[in-house]
Amino acid sequence: MLVIVWMLSLALQIQAWDWWPLPMAEPDTCRDSLLYVGEIDVLSSSGTSAPTWLQANRHGAISSLPHSGNIRAGIRKPATRPNRWFDYDGAVILNGRLAGSQRSADPYKIEGTGFFDELYAHVRLYIVDITAGIQPMYTGPGDEELSSGSLLISNNAHPIPRVSVGIDRWTAFPGLYGYLEVKGGMSFGWLHDKNEYVKHTLFHHKYIGGRVGGKLPVNIRYEFHHAAQWGGTSATNGDLGHDWRSFRNVFFASSGGSTRNEQLNAQGNHLLSQTLCVTAKGEGWHVDLYWQDIQEDARPRFIGTGQNKKDGLWGVSMEQSRWPFLSGFTFEVLQTTDQSGPWHDRDGMVFGGNDSYYMNSIYQQGWTYFGRTIGNALMTPTNSRVWAYHAGVKGDIYGYKYRVLCTYADNYGTYQTPARSHNTAFLMEVSKYVPQAWGLEFGIALAGDFGDQYGNQFGGQITVRKQGIIKNW
């Protein structure tokens, strides 16, 4: 008790009894910039697909085919004024891709496509954020560069076009001297990929979170996220509802719609996720211990109390800036094999199991966008029962930035279609900025998969990047 009192008194002295500490209270010494960005990368691998960590968790920018090349170019205006009551940012990044597949009947066949990696505008008015367009979104704990990915919305699929309003960054609650911080918001989006099951699917996401501790050396945070696929036109069920009543049903995860399944359960395909994280921090370092769950049921259960409490993502993440040779480390355990048991109903009894994460009987494309899982890259609608161990490190050794990932996964398919396989995946990535070579950044990455999930395959990627300032003001 004396230790807690001492920590509180110390933090209060540091904060000088500021009843509502906001960044806008600090001096604004930053400048705005408009940047140009350009990148060329070439990938080649020996297998029937690109190795896992060469093409997964890259916002859908890299083809899953074994041979591909990309040219990206655009402009970016970063958010650079955190201490001002008004800030804005945006980007227009176009990606042109050529890819060739060893699976094609014609080994020389080349597929070309073009799309926007980013096309968005974001404005912050005091503490409220408004975003419109194609911008990456991530709902996971830990280090996004090193994590296997959030269970709900990760960096694996292409960013979803959306309009969102909320408080994006942790913001002190008025009157509590910074010891309680909150964030939250809601998005409305469009899943416009051309899958064969449901066209013009809509996207809903909302979240709320709280963090306690402020400037104390230990913080605890909790986040609740709800996401859903809804609306659209099904080849077998027709119009799935686009009106206000349908949106209300989706918002509250209520029954409704035109199909029997949605009238008995909830309109749309719903996913819930909660994150509980404990952070220890000091000057120039912090360590996160986190736990993220996933739920398919419309009625949420507090993390660790539902039928599927054995399932989730557990991890530890460390970041520090004093010793650049090892600036970040992450270790995670992913377990999704329980799914509340193998039976949803049997012999007239409802067990509530067979959750089949990422799968839905109406939205048969599952929790995917342009063929990629929106959530964790190690799971798919047809392989949602996974037990995996994942580790990652990054750093900077005399200007050579590196990242290393290593993952072992046991896969069990689904309860409906069991399929046992395993895979070991690795990535070694190094980049170097060379001012003498016109300010270019050169990168090389080597990756491989070993096991019977994808077969043994090995690949590499070469990248050349250029970024510069168009204008400062």
Protein backbone atom coordinates (compact mmCIF):
# COMPACT_ATOMS: atom_id res chain seq x y z
CA MET A 1 0.00 0.00 0.00
CA LEU A 2 2.83 2.44 0.82
CA VAL A 3 4.38 1.73 -2.58
CA ILE A 4 1.09 2.54 -4.35
CA VAL A 5 0.69 5.79 -2.41
CA TRP A 6 4.26 6.78 -3.23
CA MET A 7 3.75 6.07 -6.94
CA LEU A 8 0.55 8.12 -7.02
CA SER A 9 2.13 11.07 -5.24
CA LEU A 10 5.11 10.99 -7.58
CA ALA A 11 2.93 10.96 -10.67
CA LEU A 12 0.78 13.81 -9.33
CA GLN A 13 3.88 15.92 -8.73
CA ILE A 14 5.07 15.26 -12.27
CA GLN A 15 1.73 16.22 -13.80
CA ALA A 16 1.45 19.35 -11.65
CA TRP A 17 -2.22 18.66 -10.98
CA ASP A 18 -3.31 19.20 -14.58
CA TRP A 19 -6.97 18.19 -14.35
CA TRP A 20 -7.28 17.47 -18.10
CA PRO A 21 -3.84 16.91 -19.68
CA LEU A 22 -4.11 17.11 -23.47
CA PRO A 23 -1.33 17.34 -26.10
CA MET A 24 -2.80 20.65 -27.24
CA ALA A 25 -1.56 22.21 -23.99
CA GLU A 26 2.06 21.82 -25.16
CA PRO A 27 3.91 24.20 -27.54
CA ASP A 28 3.48 23.48 -31.25
CA THR A 29 6.98 23.47 -32.77
CA CYS A 30 6.43 21.13 -35.76
CA ARG A 31 6.12 21.93 -39.46
CA ASP A 32 3.91 20.42 -42.14
CA SER A 33 5.37 18.54 -45.10
CA LEU A 34 4.26 17.12 -48.42
CA LEU A 35 6.27 14.03 -49.44
CA TYR A 36 6.69 12.00 -52.59
CA VAL A 37 7.13 8.22 -52.31
CA GLY A 38 8.20 5.62 -54.84
CA GLU A 39 9.07 1.93 -54.66
CA ILE A 40 9.97 -0.94 -56.96
CA ASP A 41 10.08 -4.54 -55.73
CA VAL A 42 10.60 -7.88 -57.44
CA LEU A 43 9.72 -11.23 -55.84
CA SER A 44 10.49 -14.76 -56.96
CA SER A 45 10.04 -18.10 -55.20
CA SER A 46 10.40 -21.80 -55.87
CA GLY A 47 6.98 -23.00 -54.75
CA THR A 48 3.40 -22.75 -55.99
CA SER A 49 2.93 -19.53 -53.98
CA ALA A 50 5.05 -16.82 -52.43
CA PRO A 51 6.37 -17.80 -48.96
CA THR A 52 4.07 -16.78 -46.11
CA TRP A 53 5.92 -13.79 -44.70
CA LEU A 54 6.87 -12.34 -48.08
CA GLN A 55 3.21 -11.78 -48.97
CA ALA A 56 1.20 -11.92 -45.72
CA ASN A 57 0.64 -8.92 -43.40
CA ARG A 58 1.55 -6.43 -46.16
CA HIS A 59 -1.88 -4.81 -46.60
CA GLY A 60 -2.59 -6.99 -49.65
CA ALA A 61 0.06 -5.11 -51.65
CA ILE A 62 2.14 -8.20 -52.56
CA SER A 63 0.76 -10.97 -54.75
CA SER A 64 0.47 -14.49 -53.33
CA LEU A 65 1.69 -15.86 -56.68
CA PRO A 66 5.29 -17.13 -56.78
CA HIS A 67 6.62 -14.44 -59.14
CA SER A 68 5.58 -10.79 -59.05
CA GLY A 69 6.74 -7.23 -59.33
CA ASN A 70 5.28 -3.98 -58.03
CA ILE A 71 5.74 -0.31 -58.81
CA ARG A 72 4.28 2.10 -56.25
CA ALA A 73 4.21 5.85 -56.50
CA GLY A 74 2.33 8.68 -54.87
CA ILE A 75 2.29 11.55 -52.45
CA ARG A 76 1.76 11.68 -48.72
CA LYS A 77 1.03 14.43 -46.24
CA PRO A 78 1.75 13.04 -42.73
CA ALA A 79 0.08 14.25 -39.55
CA THR A 80 2.85 16.30 -37.96
CA ARG A 81 1.14 18.67 -35.52
CA PRO A 82 0.00 16.59 -32.50
CA ASN A 83 0.10 19.64 -30.22
CA ARG A 84 -2.21 21.74 -32.37
CA TRP A 85 -6.00 21.76 -32.03
CA PHE A 86 -6.25 20.97 -35.75
CA ASP A 87 -4.22 18.49 -37.79
CA TYR A 88 -4.69 16.64 -41.06
CA ASP A 89 -3.04 14.01 -43.21
CA GLY A 90 -3.67 12.03 -46.36
CA ALA A 91 -2.11 9.95 -49.09
CA VAL A 92 -2.55 8.91 -52.71
CA ILE A 93 -0.42 5.79 -53.36
CA LEU A 94 -0.98 3.85 -56.59
CA ASN A 95 0.27 0.27 -56.99
CA GLY A 96 0.88 -1.36 -60.37
CA ARG A 97 1.51 -5.11 -60.28
CA LEU A 98 2.67 -7.82 -62.66
CA ALA A 99 2.51 -11.43 -61.50
CA GLY A 100 3.14 -14.84 -63.05
CA SER A 101 2.08 -18.22 -61.71
CA GLN A 102 3.73 -21.64 -61.96
CA ARG A 103 0.21 -23.08 -61.61
CA SER A 104 -0.86 -21.61 -64.96
CA ALA A 105 -1.10 -23.84 -68.04
CA ASP A 106 1.05 -21.22 -69.74
CA PRO A 107 4.22 -20.77 -67.61
CA TYR A 108 4.88 -17.43 -69.32
CA LYS A 109 1.43 -15.97 -68.65
CA ILE A 110 1.61 -12.60 -66.88
CA GLU A 111 -1.27 -11.02 -64.96
CA GLY A 112 -1.35 -7.24 -64.58
CA THR A 113 -3.44 -5.11 -62.26
CA GLY A 114 -3.50 -1.69 -60.65
CA PHE A 115 -5.05 -0.41 -57.44
CA PHE A 116 -4.65 2.17 -54.71
CA ASP A 117 -2.65 1.06 -51.68
CA GLU A 118 -3.84 4.24 -49.97
CA LEU A 119 -6.31 6.92 -50.98
CA TYR A 120 -7.59 8.80 -47.96
CA ALA A 121 -7.96 12.06 -46.10
CA HIS A 122 -7.95 12.40 -42.32
CA VAL A 123 -8.75 15.43 -40.17
CA ARG A 124 -8.43 15.81 -36.40
CA LEU A 125 -10.51 18.54 -34.80
CA TYR A 126 -9.29 18.89 -31.21
CA ILE A 127 -9.74 15.27 -30.05
CA VAL A 128 -12.18 14.04 -32.74
CA ASP A 129 -10.86 12.22 -35.82
CA ILE A 130 -12.67 11.99 -39.16
CA THR A 131 -11.32 9.69 -41.90
CA ALA A 132 -12.58 8.91 -45.41
CA GLY A 133 -11.04 6.62 -47.99
CA ILE A 134 -8.64 3.66 -48.22
CA GLN A 135 -6.39 3.76 -45.16
CA PRO A 136 -4.80 0.84 -43.26
CA MET A 137 -6.54 -0.07 -40.00
CA TYR A 138 -5.18 -2.31 -37.23
CA THR A 139 -7.01 -3.50 -34.09
CA GLY A 140 -4.32 -5.60 -32.53
CA PRO A 141 -2.07 -5.22 -29.52
CA GLY A 142 1.70 -5.41 -29.68
CA ASP A 143 4.07 -4.35 -32.44
CA GLU A 144 2.35 -4.31 -35.84
CA GLU A 145 5.67 -5.00 -37.64
CA LEU A 146 6.43 -8.10 -35.56
CA SER A 147 3.04 -9.52 -34.58
CA SER A 148 1.35 -12.39 -36.42
CA GLY A 149 -1.66 -10.08 -36.61
CA SER A 150 -4.84 -9.06 -34.85
CA LEU A 151 -7.64 -11.62 -34.67
CA LEU A 152 -10.20 -9.10 -35.91
CA ILE A 153 -8.73 -6.50 -38.31
CA SER A 154 -5.09 -6.94 -39.17
CA ASN A 155 -2.67 -5.72 -41.84
CA ASN A 156 -3.06 -8.84 -43.98
CA ALA A 157 -5.82 -7.80 -46.39
CA HIS A 158 -6.10 -4.72 -48.54
CA PRO A 159 -7.40 -1.69 -46.56
CA ILE A 160 -11.19 -1.41 -46.65
CA PRO A 161 -12.69 1.81 -48.09
CA ARG A 162 -14.51 3.44 -45.18
CA VAL A 163 -15.75 6.55 -43.45
CA SER A 164 -14.99 6.70 -39.73
CA VAL A 165 -15.54 9.10 -36.85
CA GLY A 166 -14.09 8.78 -33.36
CA ILE A 167 -11.25 9.44 -30.95
CA ASP A 168 -8.36 7.52 -32.52
CA ARG A 169 -5.61 8.18 -29.98
CA TRP A 170 -5.64 7.67 -26.24
CA THR A 171 -7.13 10.84 -24.73
CA ALA A 172 -7.33 11.84 -21.07
CA PHE A 173 -10.80 11.78 -19.52
CA PRO A 174 -11.71 15.23 -18.12
CA GLY A 175 -11.15 15.76 -14.41
CA LEU A 176 -9.08 12.64 -13.70
CA TYR A 177 -5.60 14.16 -14.19
CA GLY A 178 -4.66 11.76 -16.97
CA TYR A 179 -5.05 8.58 -14.93
CA LEU A 180 -7.94 7.43 -17.14
CA GLU A 181 -7.67 7.66 -20.91
CA VAL A 182 -10.27 6.65 -23.48
CA LYS A 183 -10.61 6.05 -27.21
CA GLY A 184 -13.38 4.84 -29.47
CA GLY A 185 -15.08 5.24 -32.81
CA MET A 186 -17.21 3.77 -35.58
CA SER A 187 -16.63 2.99 -39.27
CA PHE A 188 -18.91 2.36 -42.23
CA GLY A 189 -17.24 0.66 -45.17
CA TRP A 190 -17.61 -1.14 -48.48
CA LEU A 191 -16.22 -4.60 -49.33
CA HIS A 192 -16.23 -4.22 -53.10
CA ASP A 193 -14.19 -7.29 -54.04
CA LYS A 194 -15.83 -9.40 -56.72
CA ASN A 195 -16.31 -12.69 -54.89
CA GLU A 196 -18.77 -15.23 -56.24
CA TYR A 197 -21.06 -15.39 -53.20
CA VAL A 198 -22.24 -11.92 -52.11
CA LYS A 199 -21.78 -8.73 -54.13
CA HIS A 200 -21.56 -5.20 -52.70
CA THR A 201 -21.12 -6.33 -49.08
CA LEU A 202 -21.05 -3.57 -46.46
CA PHE A 203 -18.68 -3.31 -43.49
CA HIS A 204 -19.36 -2.16 -39.92
CA HIS A 205 -16.84 -1.62 -37.13
CA LYS A 206 -17.05 0.08 -33.76
CA TYR A 207 -14.85 0.01 -30.71
CA ILE A 208 -14.31 1.51 -27.29
CA GLY A 209 -11.33 1.32 -24.97
CA GLY A 210 -10.05 2.53 -21.63
CA ARG A 211 -6.55 2.81 -20.16
CA VAL A 212 -5.69 3.48 -16.51
CA GLY A 213 -2.35 4.50 -15.04
CA GLY A 214 -1.33 7.68 -16.85
CA LYS A 215 2.33 8.44 -16.11
CA LEU A 216 2.58 5.63 -13.57
CA PRO A 217 5.14 2.95 -14.54
CA VAL A 218 2.37 0.36 -15.03
CA ASN A 219 -0.72 0.86 -17.20
CA ILE A 220 -3.67 -1.45 -17.87
CA ARG A 221 -5.84 -1.13 -20.94
CA TYR A 222 -8.97 -2.83 -22.23
CA GLU A 223 -10.56 -2.61 -25.70
CA PHE A 224 -13.80 -4.00 -27.11
CA HIS A 225 -14.27 -4.29 -30.89
CA HIS A 226 -17.33 -5.34 -32.89
CA ALA A 227 -17.15 -5.86 -36.67
CA ALA A 228 -19.61 -7.24 -39.18
CA GLN A 229 -20.20 -7.99 -42.84
CA TRP A 230 -23.75 -7.11 -43.84
CA GLY A 231 -25.99 -6.13 -46.74
CA GLY A 232 -25.08 -6.98 -50.29
CA THR A 233 -26.77 -9.17 -52.86
CA SER A 234 -26.48 -12.93 -52.57
CA ALA A 235 -26.64 -15.27 -55.54
CA THR A 236 -28.95 -17.59 -53.55
CA ASN A 237 -30.70 -15.27 -51.06
CA GLY A 238 -31.13 -12.07 -53.06
CA ASP A 239 -31.03 -8.66 -51.37
CA LEU A 240 -29.67 -8.98 -47.82
CA GLY A 241 -30.82 -5.54 -46.65
CA HIS A 242 -29.34 -2.07 -47.02
CA ASP A 243 -31.88 0.09 -45.21
CA TRP A 244 -31.83 1.86 -41.84
CA ARG A 245 -33.57 -1.05 -40.09
CA SER A 246 -30.88 -3.45 -41.35
CA PHE A 247 -28.14 -1.13 -40.11
CA ARG A 248 -29.81 -0.92 -36.69
CA ASN A 249 -29.94 -4.73 -36.52
CA VAL A 250 -26.27 -4.94 -37.42
CA PHE A 251 -25.28 -2.22 -34.93
CA PHE A 252 -26.95 -4.07 -32.04
CA ALA A 253 -26.24 -7.56 -33.45
CA SER A 254 -30.00 -8.22 -33.51
CA SER A 255 -31.95 -10.74 -35.53
CA GLY A 256 -33.65 -9.66 -38.75
CA GLY A 257 -33.08 -9.69 -42.47
CA SER A 258 -34.58 -11.86 -45.17
CA THR A 259 -32.98 -15.25 -44.48
CA ARG A 260 -33.99 -17.77 -41.84
CA ASN A 261 -30.45 -17.94 -40.46
CA GLU A 262 -30.37 -14.18 -39.81
CA GLN A 263 -33.87 -14.18 -38.34
CA LEU A 264 -32.89 -16.89 -35.85
CA ASN A 265 -29.47 -15.42 -34.99
CA ALA A 266 -28.29 -11.95 -36.04
CA GLN A 267 -28.44 -10.06 -39.31
CA GLY A 268 -24.99 -10.11 -40.87
CA ASN A 269 -21.77 -11.96 -40.12
CA HIS A 270 -20.52 -10.73 -36.74
CA LEU A 271 -17.16 -10.96 -35.00
CA LEU A 272 -16.30 -9.66 -31.53
CA SER A 273 -12.87 -9.20 -30.04
CA GLN A 274 -11.51 -7.94 -26.73
CA THR A 275 -7.98 -7.02 -25.73
CA LEU A 276 -6.54 -6.89 -22.23
CA CYS A 277 -3.01 -5.49 -21.95
CA VAL A 278 -0.63 -4.68 -19.08
CA THR A 279 2.20 -2.27 -19.91
CA ALA A 280 5.35 -1.66 -17.87
CA LYS A 281 7.30 1.37 -19.03
CA GLY A 282 10.27 3.56 -18.28
CA GLU A 283 12.39 6.15 -20.04
CA GLY A 284 12.98 4.89 -23.57
CA TRP A 285 11.36 1.45 -23.15
CA HIS A 286 8.09 -0.38 -22.58
CA VAL A 287 6.93 -4.00 -22.32
CA ASP A 288 3.38 -5.15 -23.16
CA LEU A 289 1.74 -8.36 -21.94
CA TYR A 290 -1.47 -8.86 -23.92
CA TRP A 291 -4.38 -11.20 -24.45
CA GLN A 292 -6.83 -10.92 -27.33
CA ASP A 293 -9.91 -13.08 -27.76
CA ILE A 294 -12.36 -13.71 -30.59
CA GLN A 295 -16.08 -14.47 -30.41
CA GLU A 296 -18.66 -15.41 -33.03
CA ASP A 297 -21.71 -15.14 -30.76
CA ALA A 298 -23.94 -12.06 -30.97
CA ARG A 299 -24.01 -11.70 -27.17
CA PRO A 300 -20.54 -10.78 -25.92
CA ARG A 301 -18.92 -12.48 -22.94
CA PHE A 302 -16.14 -10.76 -21.01
CA ILE A 303 -12.72 -11.97 -22.07
CA GLY A 304 -11.91 -15.32 -20.46
CA THR A 305 -15.49 -16.17 -19.42
CA GLY A 306 -17.18 -17.54 -22.57
CA GLN A 307 -17.44 -21.10 -23.81
CA ASN A 308 -14.41 -20.54 -26.03
CA LYS A 309 -12.21 -19.06 -23.30
CA LYS A 310 -9.37 -21.40 -24.31
CA ASP A 311 -9.03 -19.59 -27.63
CA GLY A 312 -7.12 -16.37 -28.18
CA LEU A 313 -3.84 -14.64 -28.91
CA TRP A 314 -1.37 -14.25 -26.04
CA GLY A 315 1.81 -12.25 -26.43
CA VAL A 316 4.65 -10.23 -24.99
CA SER A 317 6.13 -7.27 -26.86
CA MET A 318 9.14 -5.15 -25.96
CA GLU A 319 10.31 -1.91 -27.57
CA GLN A 320 13.24 0.26 -26.50
CA SER A 321 15.24 3.11 -28.02
CA ARG A 322 18.46 3.13 -25.96
CA TRP A 323 20.17 0.27 -27.78
CA PRO A 324 19.26 0.29 -31.50
CA PHE A 325 20.77 -3.13 -32.25
CA LEU A 326 17.62 -4.73 -30.78
CA SER A 327 14.80 -2.20 -30.73
CA GLY A 328 11.86 -4.60 -30.66
CA PHE A 329 10.95 -8.17 -29.71
CA THR A 330 7.63 -10.05 -29.86
CA PHE A 331 6.58 -13.57 -28.90
CA GLU A 332 3.02 -14.84 -29.38
CA VAL A 333 0.95 -17.98 -28.89
CA LEU A 334 -2.17 -18.40 -31.03
CA GLN A 335 -4.78 -20.98 -30.04
CA THR A 336 -8.13 -21.28 -31.87
CA THR A 337 -8.80 -25.03 -31.81
CA ASP A 338 -11.54 -25.07 -29.15
CA GLN A 339 -14.27 -22.92 -30.75
CA SER A 340 -16.71 -23.75 -27.90
CA GLY A 341 -16.60 -27.45 -28.79
CA PRO A 342 -17.36 -29.41 -31.98
CA TRP A 343 -21.18 -29.22 -31.90
CA HIS A 344 -23.48 -26.26 -32.37
CA ASP A 345 -26.55 -28.50 -32.09
CA ARG A 346 -27.03 -32.25 -32.09
CA ASP A 347 -29.96 -34.60 -31.47
CA GLY A 348 -32.24 -31.68 -30.68
CA MET A 349 -29.87 -30.13 -28.15
CA VAL A 350 -28.08 -26.79 -28.69
CA PHE A 351 -24.46 -26.81 -27.48
CA GLY A 352 -23.46 -23.46 -28.99
CA GLY A 353 -20.14 -24.74 -30.28
CA ASN A 354 -18.55 -25.12 -33.72
CA ASP A 355 -17.95 -21.37 -33.88
CA SER A 356 -16.06 -21.67 -37.19
CA TYR A 357 -14.19 -18.37 -36.93
CA TYR A 358 -14.06 -16.36 -40.17
CA MET A 359 -16.75 -18.58 -41.79
CA ASN A 360 -20.43 -17.81 -42.43
CA SER A 361 -23.20 -19.73 -44.18
CA ILE A 362 -24.49 -16.63 -46.03
CA TYR A 363 -21.27 -14.67 -46.57
CA GLN A 364 -19.49 -17.76 -47.82
CA GLN A 365 -16.37 -15.82 -48.79
CA GLY A 366 -15.89 -15.59 -45.02
CA TRP A 367 -13.95 -12.91 -43.17
CA THR A 368 -11.88 -12.05 -46.25
CA TYR A 369 -11.30 -9.15 -48.64
CA PHE A 370 -9.87 -9.73 -52.11
CA GLY A 371 -9.19 -13.32 -51.07
CA ARG A 372 -7.14 -12.47 -47.98
CA THR A 373 -8.13 -12.94 -44.36
CA ILE A 374 -9.02 -9.60 -42.76
CA GLY A 375 -7.84 -10.93 -39.40
CA ASN A 376 -4.82 -13.04 -38.45
CA ALA A 377 -2.83 -14.23 -41.46
CA LEU A 378 -2.31 -17.72 -39.98
CA MET A 379 -6.06 -18.42 -40.15
CA THR A 380 -8.48 -18.74 -43.08
CA PRO A 381 -12.19 -19.63 -43.28
CA THR A 382 -11.20 -23.18 -44.26
CA ASN A 383 -8.39 -23.40 -41.70
CA SER A 384 -9.63 -21.62 -38.58
CA ARG A 385 -8.49 -24.20 -36.00
CA VAL A 386 -4.82 -23.29 -35.47
CA TRP A 387 -2.20 -23.66 -32.76
CA ALA A 388 0.85 -21.52 -33.50
CA TYR A 389 3.99 -20.05 -31.94
CA HIS A 390 5.36 -16.86 -33.44
CA ALA A 391 8.42 -14.70 -32.70
CA GLY A 392 9.89 -11.56 -34.22
CA VAL A 393 12.80 -9.20 -33.65
CA LYS A 394 13.90 -5.94 -35.28
CA GLY A 395 16.68 -3.40 -34.92
CA ASP A 396 19.26 -1.19 -36.58
CA ILE A 397 22.92 -2.27 -36.84
CA TYR A 398 25.00 0.65 -38.07
CA GLY A 399 22.29 1.82 -40.45
CA TYR A 400 21.22 -1.65 -41.58
CA LYS A 401 17.61 -2.03 -40.45
CA TYR A 402 16.56 -5.63 -40.02
CA ARG A 403 13.49 -7.68 -39.18
CA VAL A 404 13.31 -11.42 -38.50
CA LEU A 405 10.12 -13.48 -38.13
CA CYS A 406 9.73 -17.17 -37.34
CA THR A 407 6.46 -19.10 -36.97
CA TYR A 408 5.45 -22.69 -36.32
CA ALA A 409 1.78 -23.56 -36.91
CA ASP A 410 -0.23 -26.75 -36.42
CA ASN A 411 -3.38 -26.58 -38.55
CA TYR A 412 -6.55 -28.60 -38.06
CA GLY A 413 -8.89 -27.20 -40.74
CA THR A 414 -12.42 -26.85 -39.32
CA TYR A 415 -14.73 -29.13 -37.38
CA GLN A 416 -16.79 -29.65 -40.55
CA THR A 417 -13.76 -30.44 -42.74
CA PRO A 418 -10.80 -31.55 -40.60
CA ALA A 419 -7.45 -31.24 -42.34
CA ARG A 420 -4.24 -31.74 -40.37
CA SER A 421 -1.06 -29.98 -41.55
CA HIS A 422 1.86 -28.02 -40.20
CA ASN A 423 4.16 -25.27 -41.41
CA THR A 424 7.31 -23.51 -40.29
CA ALA A 425 7.71 -20.06 -41.83
CA PHE A 426 10.60 -17.61 -41.56
CA LEU A 427 11.55 -14.16 -42.86
CA MET A 428 14.89 -12.32 -42.83
CA GLU A 429 14.69 -8.73 -44.07
CA VAL A 430 17.41 -6.04 -44.27
CA SER A 431 17.26 -2.49 -45.66
CA LYS A 432 19.83 0.29 -45.95
CA TYR A 433 19.47 3.98 -46.79
CA VAL A 434 22.32 5.12 -49.06
CA PRO A 435 22.52 8.91 -49.37
CA GLN A 436 25.34 8.65 -51.94
CA ALA A 437 23.03 6.70 -54.31
CA TRP A 438 20.58 9.55 -54.89
CA GLY A 439 19.07 8.98 -51.47
CA LEU A 440 17.72 5.53 -52.33
CA GLU A 441 16.88 2.84 -49.79
CA PHE A 442 17.74 -0.73 -50.82
CA GLY A 443 16.16 -3.80 -49.25
CA ILE A 444 16.44 -7.55 -49.55
CA ALA A 445 14.23 -10.19 -47.96
CA LEU A 446 14.54 -13.98 -47.83
CA ALA A 447 11.70 -16.22 -46.67
CA GLY A 448 10.61 -19.82 -46.71
CA ASP A 449 7.96 -22.35 -45.71
CA PHE A 450 8.72 -25.88 -44.58
CA GLY A 451 6.04 -28.49 -43.92
CA ASP A 452 3.05 -30.14 -45.55
CA GLN A 453 0.70 -27.12 -45.47
CA TYR A 454 2.29 -25.36 -48.47
CA GLY A 455 5.17 -27.70 -49.17
CA ASN A 456 8.80 -26.69 -48.94
CA GLN A 457 9.31 -23.39 -50.74
CA PHE A 458 11.86 -20.62 -50.67
CA GLY A 459 11.84 -17.11 -52.10
CA GLY A 460 13.42 -13.71 -52.13
CA GLN A 461 12.45 -10.10 -52.71
CA ILE A 462 14.50 -7.07 -53.75
CA THR A 463 13.17 -3.58 -53.04
CA VAL A 464 14.30 -0.08 -54.00
CA ARG A 465 12.57 2.88 -52.30
CA LYS A 466 12.78 6.64 -52.62
CA GLN A 467 11.12 9.27 -50.45
CA GLY A 468 11.62 12.98 -50.35
CA ILE A 469 10.14 16.33 -49.48
CA ILE A 470 8.13 18.23 -52.06
CA LYS A 471 7.36 21.18 -49.79
CA ASN A 472 7.63 22.28 -46.16
CA TRP A 473 5.51 24.94 -44.52
